Amino acid sequence: MTRTQYYVAASIDGYIADSAGKLDWLFQFNDTPGLTEHYQAFIDSVGPLAMGAATYEFILGENQPWPYADRPTWVFTHRPLPAIPGANLRFTTEDVSAVHAQMVEAAAGKNLWLIGGGNLVAQFVRQGLLDEILLSVVPVVLGGGIPLLPAALTRPLELTGLTRFDRGMVELRYTLPSRAPAPKG
C-alpha cells in the first residue's frame, strides 16, 4: 500500500531550517554512523516526491546533480522555475488533492515523499493525505527559523518506530490516526 510520508529532520525546538533558510546545523551530522544506510533504505522505498518552490530552489542552489534520479517529482509553485535537464519534474499550481491522486498512480506501490517545507506538508495534512511523519530530531537548538509543520494535528499520533543514532540523533516514526481531513486553520 502506498503511504504518503513526511521524512524530515528538525532541531530540538522544531525548526527544519535556520532563520536564513540554511541547513549547516544539520549537515554537520552527515557523517553520523548508520545515517547514510538508514536514508538509503528509506529512499529505496520511495517513488514520487512532492516539494515546494523554496525547497526546489534550495536544491538548485546546492549546484549538485539532481539527487532524485528518475523519480517523478512534483514541484508546487506559483512562479516560473528553471527545469533541470534530465530530471523527471512536473511543475504544478494544482491543489494537493488532485496531485496526490496522480502521485499515487505514478508510485506503482512505492511510497510518496513530501520533502522539504512544512507549508506544503500542511496542505496535505489539511486534506487528510498524510499517513506518516518520519522525524529525525537533531540535538541542536536554533531558536527560530522555518517551523517543522505549521498545521494542527491535535489527535494523538501513534509512535510506530524509534531509531537511535550516535551523536544524540533519533528518528521518531509516527502514524497519523486517520486520513480524515484536519480542521481548517
Protein backbone atom coordinates (compact mmCIF):
# COMPACT_ATOMS: atom_id res chain seq x y z
CA MET A 1 0.00 0.00 0.00
CA THR A 2 1.32 3.43 -0.95
CA ARG A 3 1.94 5.66 2.06
CA THR A 4 2.37 9.43 1.99
CA GLN A 5 5.34 10.27 4.22
CA TYR A 6 6.90 13.44 5.58
CA TYR A 7 10.55 12.45 6.05
CA VAL A 8 12.28 15.38 7.70
CA ALA A 9 14.91 16.48 10.20
CA ALA A 10 14.29 19.18 12.78
CA SER A 11 16.11 20.82 15.64
CA ILE A 12 15.00 20.02 19.19
CA ASP A 13 12.99 23.25 19.16
CA GLY A 14 11.10 22.25 16.00
CA TYR A 15 12.77 24.03 13.07
CA ILE A 16 13.71 22.44 9.74
CA ALA A 17 15.95 25.33 8.65
CA ASP A 18 17.50 28.26 10.47
CA SER A 19 16.18 31.82 10.15
CA ALA A 20 18.28 32.32 6.98
CA GLY A 21 16.88 29.12 5.43
CA LYS A 22 20.22 27.33 5.87
CA LEU A 23 20.90 23.72 6.89
CA ASP A 24 24.52 23.93 8.06
CA TRP A 25 23.38 22.93 11.55
CA LEU A 26 22.07 19.67 10.03
CA PHE A 27 24.91 18.95 7.60
CA GLN A 28 27.37 18.69 10.50
CA PHE A 29 25.67 15.35 11.29
CA ASN A 30 26.06 13.84 7.78
CA ASP A 31 28.87 11.53 8.92
CA THR A 32 26.83 10.02 11.78
CA PRO A 33 27.35 6.23 11.68
CA GLY A 34 24.41 4.37 10.16
CA LEU A 35 22.68 7.50 8.88
CA THR A 36 23.59 7.03 5.21
CA GLU A 37 22.39 3.41 5.22
CA HIS A 38 19.18 4.40 7.00
CA TYR A 39 18.48 7.12 4.43
CA GLN A 40 19.23 4.71 1.58
CA ALA A 41 16.70 2.21 2.92
CA PHE A 42 14.12 5.00 3.08
CA ILE A 43 14.83 6.33 -0.42
CA ASP A 44 14.67 2.80 -1.85
CA SER A 45 11.03 2.62 -0.64
CA VAL A 46 10.10 5.92 -2.30
CA GLY A 47 8.67 6.59 -5.73
CA PRO A 48 7.29 10.08 -6.39
CA LEU A 49 8.26 13.21 -4.47
CA ALA A 50 6.48 16.49 -3.79
CA MET A 51 8.18 19.72 -2.83
CA GLY A 52 7.50 23.42 -2.77
CA ALA A 53 9.30 26.10 -4.74
CA ALA A 54 11.59 27.09 -1.86
CA THR A 55 12.84 23.51 -1.40
CA TYR A 56 13.37 23.15 -5.15
CA GLU A 57 15.34 26.42 -5.23
CA PHE A 58 17.41 25.28 -2.25
CA ILE A 59 18.35 22.08 -4.10
CA LEU A 60 19.18 24.10 -7.24
CA GLY A 61 21.40 26.35 -5.13
CA GLU A 62 23.48 23.40 -3.96
CA ASN A 63 24.92 23.17 -7.51
CA GLN A 64 24.92 19.38 -7.40
CA PRO A 65 23.45 16.86 -9.82
CA TRP A 66 19.73 16.25 -9.30
CA PRO A 67 19.72 13.82 -6.36
CA TYR A 68 16.46 12.02 -7.11
CA ALA A 69 17.41 10.21 -10.31
CA ASP A 70 14.34 9.29 -12.34
CA ARG A 71 11.79 9.65 -9.54
CA PRO A 72 8.85 11.75 -10.70
CA THR A 73 8.88 14.98 -8.72
CA TRP A 74 6.01 17.44 -8.43
CA VAL A 75 7.11 20.99 -7.62
CA PHE A 76 4.29 23.14 -6.27
CA THR A 77 4.86 26.71 -7.38
CA HIS A 78 3.07 29.86 -8.49
CA ARG A 79 6.11 31.28 -10.27
CA PRO A 80 8.26 30.10 -13.16
CA LEU A 81 11.25 27.99 -12.13
CA PRO A 82 14.12 26.64 -14.23
CA ALA A 83 13.96 22.97 -15.14
CA ILE A 84 16.88 20.64 -14.55
CA PRO A 85 17.86 18.74 -17.70
CA GLY A 86 17.22 15.01 -17.28
CA ALA A 87 15.14 15.39 -14.10
CA ASN A 88 11.59 13.99 -14.12
CA LEU A 89 9.90 17.23 -12.98
CA ARG A 90 6.28 18.38 -13.04
CA PHE A 91 5.66 21.98 -12.05
CA THR A 92 2.13 22.49 -10.79
CA THR A 93 -0.26 25.03 -9.33
CA GLU A 94 -2.96 22.41 -8.73
CA ASP A 95 -4.48 21.61 -5.36
CA VAL A 96 -2.58 18.93 -3.45
CA SER A 97 -5.55 16.53 -3.50
CA ALA A 98 -5.59 16.43 -7.32
CA VAL A 99 -1.81 15.98 -7.48
CA HIS A 100 -1.85 13.36 -4.73
CA ALA A 101 -4.03 11.11 -6.88
CA GLN A 102 -1.56 11.49 -9.78
CA MET A 103 1.34 10.72 -7.45
CA VAL A 104 -0.29 7.56 -6.08
CA GLU A 105 -0.85 6.34 -9.62
CA ALA A 106 2.80 7.04 -10.52
CA ALA A 107 4.03 5.37 -7.32
CA ALA A 108 3.36 1.83 -8.55
CA GLY A 109 3.18 0.59 -4.95
CA LYS A 110 6.07 2.67 -3.59
CA ASN A 111 5.64 5.44 -1.04
CA LEU A 112 5.31 9.18 -1.63
CA TRP A 113 7.82 11.55 -0.03
CA LEU A 114 6.79 15.06 0.92
CA ILE A 115 10.21 16.69 1.00
CA GLY A 116 11.18 19.99 2.47
CA GLY A 117 8.96 22.75 3.69
CA GLY A 118 6.26 22.35 6.26
CA ASN A 119 3.88 24.72 4.46
CA LEU A 120 3.35 22.26 1.62
CA VAL A 121 3.06 19.36 4.05
CA ALA A 122 0.45 21.36 5.98
CA GLN A 123 -1.67 21.46 2.82
CA PHE A 124 -1.54 17.64 2.60
CA VAL A 125 -2.42 17.41 6.31
CA ARG A 126 -5.44 19.68 5.88
CA GLN A 127 -6.71 17.42 3.08
CA GLY A 128 -6.18 14.27 5.19
CA LEU A 129 -3.48 12.98 2.81
CA LEU A 130 -0.54 12.40 5.17
CA ASP A 131 0.00 8.89 6.57
CA GLU A 132 3.32 9.10 8.39
CA ILE A 133 5.87 11.51 9.80
CA LEU A 134 9.45 10.25 9.95
CA LEU A 135 11.08 12.89 12.13
CA SER A 136 14.80 12.93 12.80
CA VAL A 137 15.36 15.02 15.91
CA VAL A 138 18.77 16.68 15.78
CA PRO A 139 20.37 17.70 19.08
CA VAL A 140 20.70 21.43 18.38
CA VAL A 141 18.55 24.40 19.33
CA LEU A 142 18.11 27.01 16.60
CA GLY A 143 15.94 29.50 18.48
CA GLY A 144 13.97 30.33 15.32
CA GLY A 145 13.64 29.51 11.66
CA ILE A 146 11.30 27.57 9.42
CA PRO A 147 8.85 25.51 11.50
CA LEU A 148 8.50 21.75 11.18
CA LEU A 149 4.79 21.70 10.40
CA PRO A 150 2.54 24.77 10.56
CA ALA A 151 -0.67 22.77 10.84
CA ALA A 152 -2.67 21.48 13.77
CA LEU A 153 -2.65 17.74 14.48
CA THR A 154 -4.39 17.64 17.83
CA ARG A 155 -5.34 13.97 17.81
CA PRO A 156 -2.52 11.83 19.19
CA LEU A 157 -0.13 10.35 16.66
CA GLU A 158 0.92 6.73 17.10
CA LEU A 159 4.64 6.18 17.64
CA THR A 160 5.42 3.16 15.46
CA GLY A 161 9.20 3.29 15.41
CA LEU A 162 12.25 4.72 17.11
CA THR A 163 15.76 4.61 15.68
CA ARG A 164 18.72 5.84 17.70
CA PHE A 165 21.86 7.20 16.09
CA ASP A 166 25.17 8.26 17.56
CA ARG A 167 25.72 11.90 18.46
CA GLY A 168 22.28 12.19 20.07
CA MET A 169 20.09 11.92 16.97
CA VAL A 170 16.87 9.92 16.96
CA GLU A 171 14.26 9.21 14.33
CA LEU A 172 10.68 9.05 15.52
CA ARG A 173 8.21 7.36 13.19
CA TYR A 174 4.60 8.41 13.71
CA THR A 175 1.43 7.22 12.00
CA LEU A 176 -1.42 9.68 11.77
CA PRO A 177 -4.67 8.48 13.36
CA SER A 178 -6.74 8.59 10.18
CA ARG A 179 -6.88 10.14 6.77
CA ALA A 180 -9.79 12.34 7.76
CA PRO A 181 -9.11 15.99 6.91
CA ALA A 182 -7.71 18.10 9.73
CA PRO A 183 -9.71 21.13 10.84
CA LYS A 184 -9.08 24.29 8.80
CA GLY A 185 -6.82 26.84 10.41
